[in-house]
N, C-alpha and C. Protein backbone atom coordinates (compact mmCIF):
# COMPACT_ATOMS: atom_id res chain seq x y z
N MET A 1 2.53 -7.86 5.72
CA MET A 1 2.77 -6.64 5.24
C MET A 1 1.38 -5.71 5.10
N SER A 2 1.59 -4.44 5.11
CA SER A 2 0.35 -3.70 5.10
C SER A 2 -0.10 -3.63 3.76
N ASP A 3 -1.41 -3.46 3.65
CA ASP A 3 -2.16 -3.01 2.48
C ASP A 3 -1.94 -1.46 2.15
N VAL A 4 -1.57 -1.24 0.97
CA VAL A 4 -1.33 0.24 0.95
C VAL A 4 -2.70 1.21 0.94
N LYS A 5 -3.96 0.44 0.81
CA LYS A 5 -5.15 1.19 1.09
C LYS A 5 -5.32 1.61 2.65
N THR A 6 -4.62 0.90 3.57
CA THR A 6 -4.63 0.99 4.91
C THR A 6 -3.81 2.13 5.51
N LEU A 7 -2.82 2.70 4.54
CA LEU A 7 -1.77 3.73 5.12
C LEU A 7 -2.48 5.17 4.99
N TYR A 8 -2.50 5.90 5.95
CA TYR A 8 -2.97 7.04 5.89
C TYR A 8 -2.39 8.12 6.02
N ASP A 9 -0.88 7.92 6.20
CA ASP A 9 -0.04 9.41 6.37
C ASP A 9 1.12 8.93 5.38
N LEU A 10 1.98 10.13 5.20
CA LEU A 10 3.32 9.95 4.61
C LEU A 10 4.37 9.07 5.37
N ASN A 11 4.43 9.07 6.24
CA ASN A 11 5.40 8.43 7.31
C ASN A 11 4.89 6.84 7.15
N GLU A 12 3.89 6.30 7.29
CA GLU A 12 3.30 4.89 6.96
C GLU A 12 3.85 4.47 5.61
N LEU A 13 3.35 5.37 4.62
CA LEU A 13 3.57 5.06 3.30
C LEU A 13 5.03 4.84 2.68
N GLU A 14 5.96 5.82 3.42
CA GLU A 14 7.33 5.90 3.41
C GLU A 14 7.84 4.33 4.02
N GLU A 15 7.46 4.26 5.16
CA GLU A 15 8.12 3.11 5.89
C GLU A 15 7.71 1.66 4.94
N HIS A 16 6.43 1.61 4.53
CA HIS A 16 5.98 0.58 3.71
C HIS A 16 6.72 0.32 2.43
N ALA A 17 6.97 1.80 1.76
CA ALA A 17 7.78 1.50 0.64
C ALA A 17 9.34 1.08 0.76
N THR A 18 10.00 1.56 1.65
CA THR A 18 11.36 1.12 2.10
C THR A 18 11.52 -0.23 2.48
N ARG A 19 10.51 -1.03 2.52
CA ARG A 19 10.65 -2.51 2.65
C ARG A 19 10.54 -3.21 1.31
N LEU A 20 10.30 -2.29 0.26
CA LEU A 20 10.00 -2.88 -1.04
C LEU A 20 11.07 -2.70 -2.12
N ILE A 21 12.02 -1.74 -1.69
CA ILE A 21 12.81 -1.12 -2.50
C ILE A 21 14.38 -1.81 -2.23
N SER A 22 15.24 -1.65 -3.16
CA SER A 22 16.51 -1.94 -2.82
C SER A 22 17.25 -1.03 -1.67
N ALA A 23 18.21 -1.23 -1.23
CA ALA A 23 19.03 -0.55 -0.25
C ALA A 23 19.69 0.67 -0.96
N ALA A 24 20.02 0.55 -2.20
CA ALA A 24 20.46 1.90 -2.97
C ALA A 24 19.48 2.65 -3.23
N ALA A 25 18.25 2.57 -3.43
CA ALA A 25 17.04 3.18 -3.96
C ALA A 25 16.75 3.88 -2.61
N ARG A 26 16.63 3.02 -1.53
CA ARG A 26 16.25 3.69 -0.15
C ARG A 26 17.27 4.64 0.42
N ASP A 27 18.45 4.58 0.19
CA ASP A 27 19.53 5.66 0.60
C ASP A 27 19.34 6.71 -0.25
N LEU A 28 19.31 6.71 -1.52
CA LEU A 28 18.94 7.77 -2.15
C LEU A 28 17.68 8.56 -1.70
N ALA A 29 16.41 7.87 -1.64
CA ALA A 29 15.33 8.46 -1.15
C ALA A 29 15.31 9.12 0.37
N ASN A 30 16.12 8.37 1.07
CA ASN A 30 16.35 9.19 2.51
C ASN A 30 17.27 10.08 2.63
N GLN A 31 18.44 10.19 1.58
CA GLN A 31 19.46 11.17 1.65
C GLN A 31 19.73 12.03 0.63
N GLY A 32 19.13 11.67 -0.59
CA GLY A 32 19.12 12.61 -1.80
C GLY A 32 20.55 12.57 -2.26
N ALA A 33 20.82 13.64 -3.09
CA ALA A 33 22.14 13.55 -3.70
C ALA A 33 22.90 14.91 -3.17
N GLY A 34 24.18 14.79 -3.18
CA GLY A 34 24.86 16.07 -2.62
C GLY A 34 24.49 16.42 -1.18
N SER A 35 24.05 17.76 -0.79
CA SER A 35 23.83 18.07 0.50
C SER A 35 22.55 17.60 1.09
N GLY A 36 21.59 17.13 0.31
CA GLY A 36 20.50 16.75 0.80
C GLY A 36 19.24 17.59 1.14
N LEU A 37 19.85 18.94 0.69
CA LEU A 37 18.79 20.14 0.59
C LEU A 37 17.43 19.83 0.26
N ALA A 38 17.26 19.04 -1.06
CA ALA A 38 16.10 18.94 -1.64
C ALA A 38 15.17 18.10 -0.78
N ILE A 39 15.98 17.03 -0.17
CA ILE A 39 15.27 16.17 0.72
C ILE A 39 14.46 16.95 1.81
N ARG A 40 15.25 17.72 2.57
CA ARG A 40 14.91 18.57 3.61
C ARG A 40 13.63 19.43 3.15
N ARG A 41 13.67 20.09 2.14
CA ARG A 41 12.80 21.23 1.64
C ARG A 41 11.47 20.42 1.06
N ASN A 42 11.53 19.31 0.68
CA ASN A 42 10.39 18.31 0.43
C ASN A 42 9.71 17.84 1.60
N ARG A 43 10.25 17.64 2.55
CA ARG A 43 9.92 17.10 4.00
C ARG A 43 8.96 18.27 4.49
N MET A 44 9.73 19.50 4.59
CA MET A 44 9.16 20.79 5.08
C MET A 44 7.90 20.94 4.41
N ALA A 45 7.85 21.00 2.81
CA ALA A 45 6.70 21.14 2.07
C ALA A 45 5.54 20.25 2.25
N TRP A 46 5.65 18.97 2.53
CA TRP A 46 4.82 18.08 3.03
C TRP A 46 4.04 18.41 4.30
N MET A 47 4.90 19.11 5.19
CA MET A 47 4.30 19.36 6.49
C MET A 47 3.24 20.63 6.57
N ASP A 48 3.39 21.45 5.28
CA ASP A 48 2.42 22.69 5.02
C ASP A 48 0.97 21.95 4.54
N TRP A 49 1.03 20.60 4.01
CA TRP A 49 -0.25 20.28 3.11
C TRP A 49 -1.05 19.81 4.53
N ALA A 50 -2.60 19.81 4.17
CA ALA A 50 -3.54 19.07 5.08
C ALA A 50 -4.74 19.05 4.09
N LEU A 51 -5.45 18.12 4.28
CA LEU A 51 -6.57 17.59 3.51
C LEU A 51 -7.81 17.99 4.62
N ARG A 52 -8.60 18.75 4.08
CA ARG A 52 -9.99 19.16 4.68
C ARG A 52 -11.05 17.98 4.46
N SER A 53 -11.49 17.27 5.18
CA SER A 53 -12.61 16.27 4.67
C SER A 53 -13.79 16.92 4.28
N ARG A 54 -13.95 17.99 4.80
CA ARG A 54 -15.35 18.63 4.62
C ARG A 54 -15.37 19.17 3.01
N VAL A 55 -14.18 19.22 2.40
CA VAL A 55 -14.29 19.49 0.71
C VAL A 55 -14.34 18.35 0.10
N LEU A 56 -13.87 17.11 0.57
CA LEU A 56 -13.84 15.86 -0.34
C LEU A 56 -15.26 15.22 -0.30
N ARG A 57 -16.00 15.38 -1.47
CA ARG A 57 -17.38 15.11 -1.48
C ARG A 57 -17.43 14.00 -2.79
N ASN A 58 -18.02 12.98 -2.52
CA ASN A 58 -18.19 11.98 -3.56
C ASN A 58 -16.82 11.76 -4.42
N VAL A 59 -15.85 11.10 -3.77
CA VAL A 59 -14.60 11.03 -4.38
C VAL A 59 -14.38 9.62 -4.98
N SER A 60 -15.62 8.71 -5.00
CA SER A 60 -15.53 7.43 -5.49
C SER A 60 -15.08 7.40 -6.67
N GLN A 61 -15.23 8.26 -7.79
CA GLN A 61 -14.78 8.28 -9.18
C GLN A 61 -13.63 9.09 -9.43
N CYS A 62 -12.74 9.16 -8.56
CA CYS A 62 -11.48 10.14 -8.69
C CYS A 62 -10.59 9.32 -9.71
N ASP A 63 -9.93 10.12 -10.63
CA ASP A 63 -9.09 9.61 -11.66
C ASP A 63 -7.67 10.57 -11.28
N LEU A 64 -6.77 10.00 -10.64
CA LEU A 64 -5.45 10.60 -10.46
C LEU A 64 -4.45 10.26 -11.63
N SER A 65 -4.81 9.66 -12.63
CA SER A 65 -3.68 9.37 -13.78
C SER A 65 -3.39 10.71 -14.44
N SER A 66 -2.23 10.44 -15.04
CA SER A 66 -1.58 11.46 -15.78
C SER A 66 -0.82 11.08 -16.89
N THR A 67 -0.26 11.55 -17.61
CA THR A 67 0.78 11.43 -18.62
C THR A 67 2.09 11.63 -18.31
N VAL A 68 2.94 10.89 -18.17
CA VAL A 68 4.58 11.13 -18.06
C VAL A 68 5.46 10.75 -19.19
N LEU A 69 6.04 11.68 -20.07
CA LEU A 69 6.91 11.15 -21.25
C LEU A 69 6.20 10.53 -22.12
N GLY A 70 4.68 10.60 -22.21
CA GLY A 70 4.10 10.09 -23.43
C GLY A 70 3.40 8.70 -22.71
N THR A 71 3.67 8.29 -21.53
CA THR A 71 3.03 7.27 -20.93
C THR A 71 2.09 7.30 -19.96
N ARG A 72 1.06 6.86 -19.89
CA ARG A 72 -0.08 6.96 -18.88
C ARG A 72 0.38 6.42 -17.79
N VAL A 73 0.18 6.95 -16.65
CA VAL A 73 0.61 6.31 -15.13
C VAL A 73 -0.78 6.68 -14.24
N SER A 74 -1.01 5.81 -13.56
CA SER A 74 -2.35 5.63 -12.80
C SER A 74 -2.05 6.76 -11.51
N LEU A 75 -0.97 7.02 -11.10
CA LEU A 75 -0.73 7.92 -10.25
C LEU A 75 0.68 8.63 -10.48
N PRO A 76 0.71 9.92 -10.57
CA PRO A 76 1.91 10.56 -10.99
C PRO A 76 2.66 10.79 -9.82
N VAL A 77 3.24 9.82 -9.15
CA VAL A 77 4.24 9.84 -8.22
C VAL A 77 5.41 9.13 -8.76
N LEU A 78 6.63 9.86 -9.13
CA LEU A 78 7.60 8.90 -9.64
C LEU A 78 8.90 9.24 -8.77
N MET A 79 9.82 8.15 -9.10
CA MET A 79 11.06 8.26 -8.46
C MET A 79 12.18 7.96 -9.25
N GLY A 80 13.31 8.84 -9.42
CA GLY A 80 14.30 8.28 -10.21
C GLY A 80 15.05 7.07 -9.82
N ARG A 81 15.83 6.63 -10.79
CA ARG A 81 16.61 5.53 -10.33
C ARG A 81 18.13 6.00 -10.54
N PRO A 82 18.98 5.67 -9.46
CA PRO A 82 20.16 6.04 -9.47
C PRO A 82 21.00 5.55 -10.71
N ASP A 83 22.07 6.18 -11.33
CA ASP A 83 22.84 5.55 -12.52
C ASP A 83 23.78 4.40 -11.93
N SER A 84 23.21 3.28 -12.37
CA SER A 84 24.02 1.85 -11.94
C SER A 84 25.42 1.83 -12.45
N THR A 85 25.83 2.84 -13.29
CA THR A 85 27.23 2.72 -13.95
C THR A 85 28.15 3.62 -13.20
N ALA A 86 27.87 4.44 -12.32
CA ALA A 86 28.68 5.32 -11.63
C ALA A 86 29.18 4.47 -10.58
């Protein structure tokens, strides 16, 4: 299994993550709810982003942490869990 630190693009990260989550969570992440419009728009939005390495200087002390609903998280990337009672 790959070390997360060796993953360099969104596709590699997604592939790695799908091996770690349940089938239900994987289906929700891949298809979304309803028509899947939000998933398509998110994928299109990711394609618009690019990192320019000349801008990133001395990033050894980056802090990507944030607070979500009063809880500190080291990286503010979250995924909702489908309601298991439905």
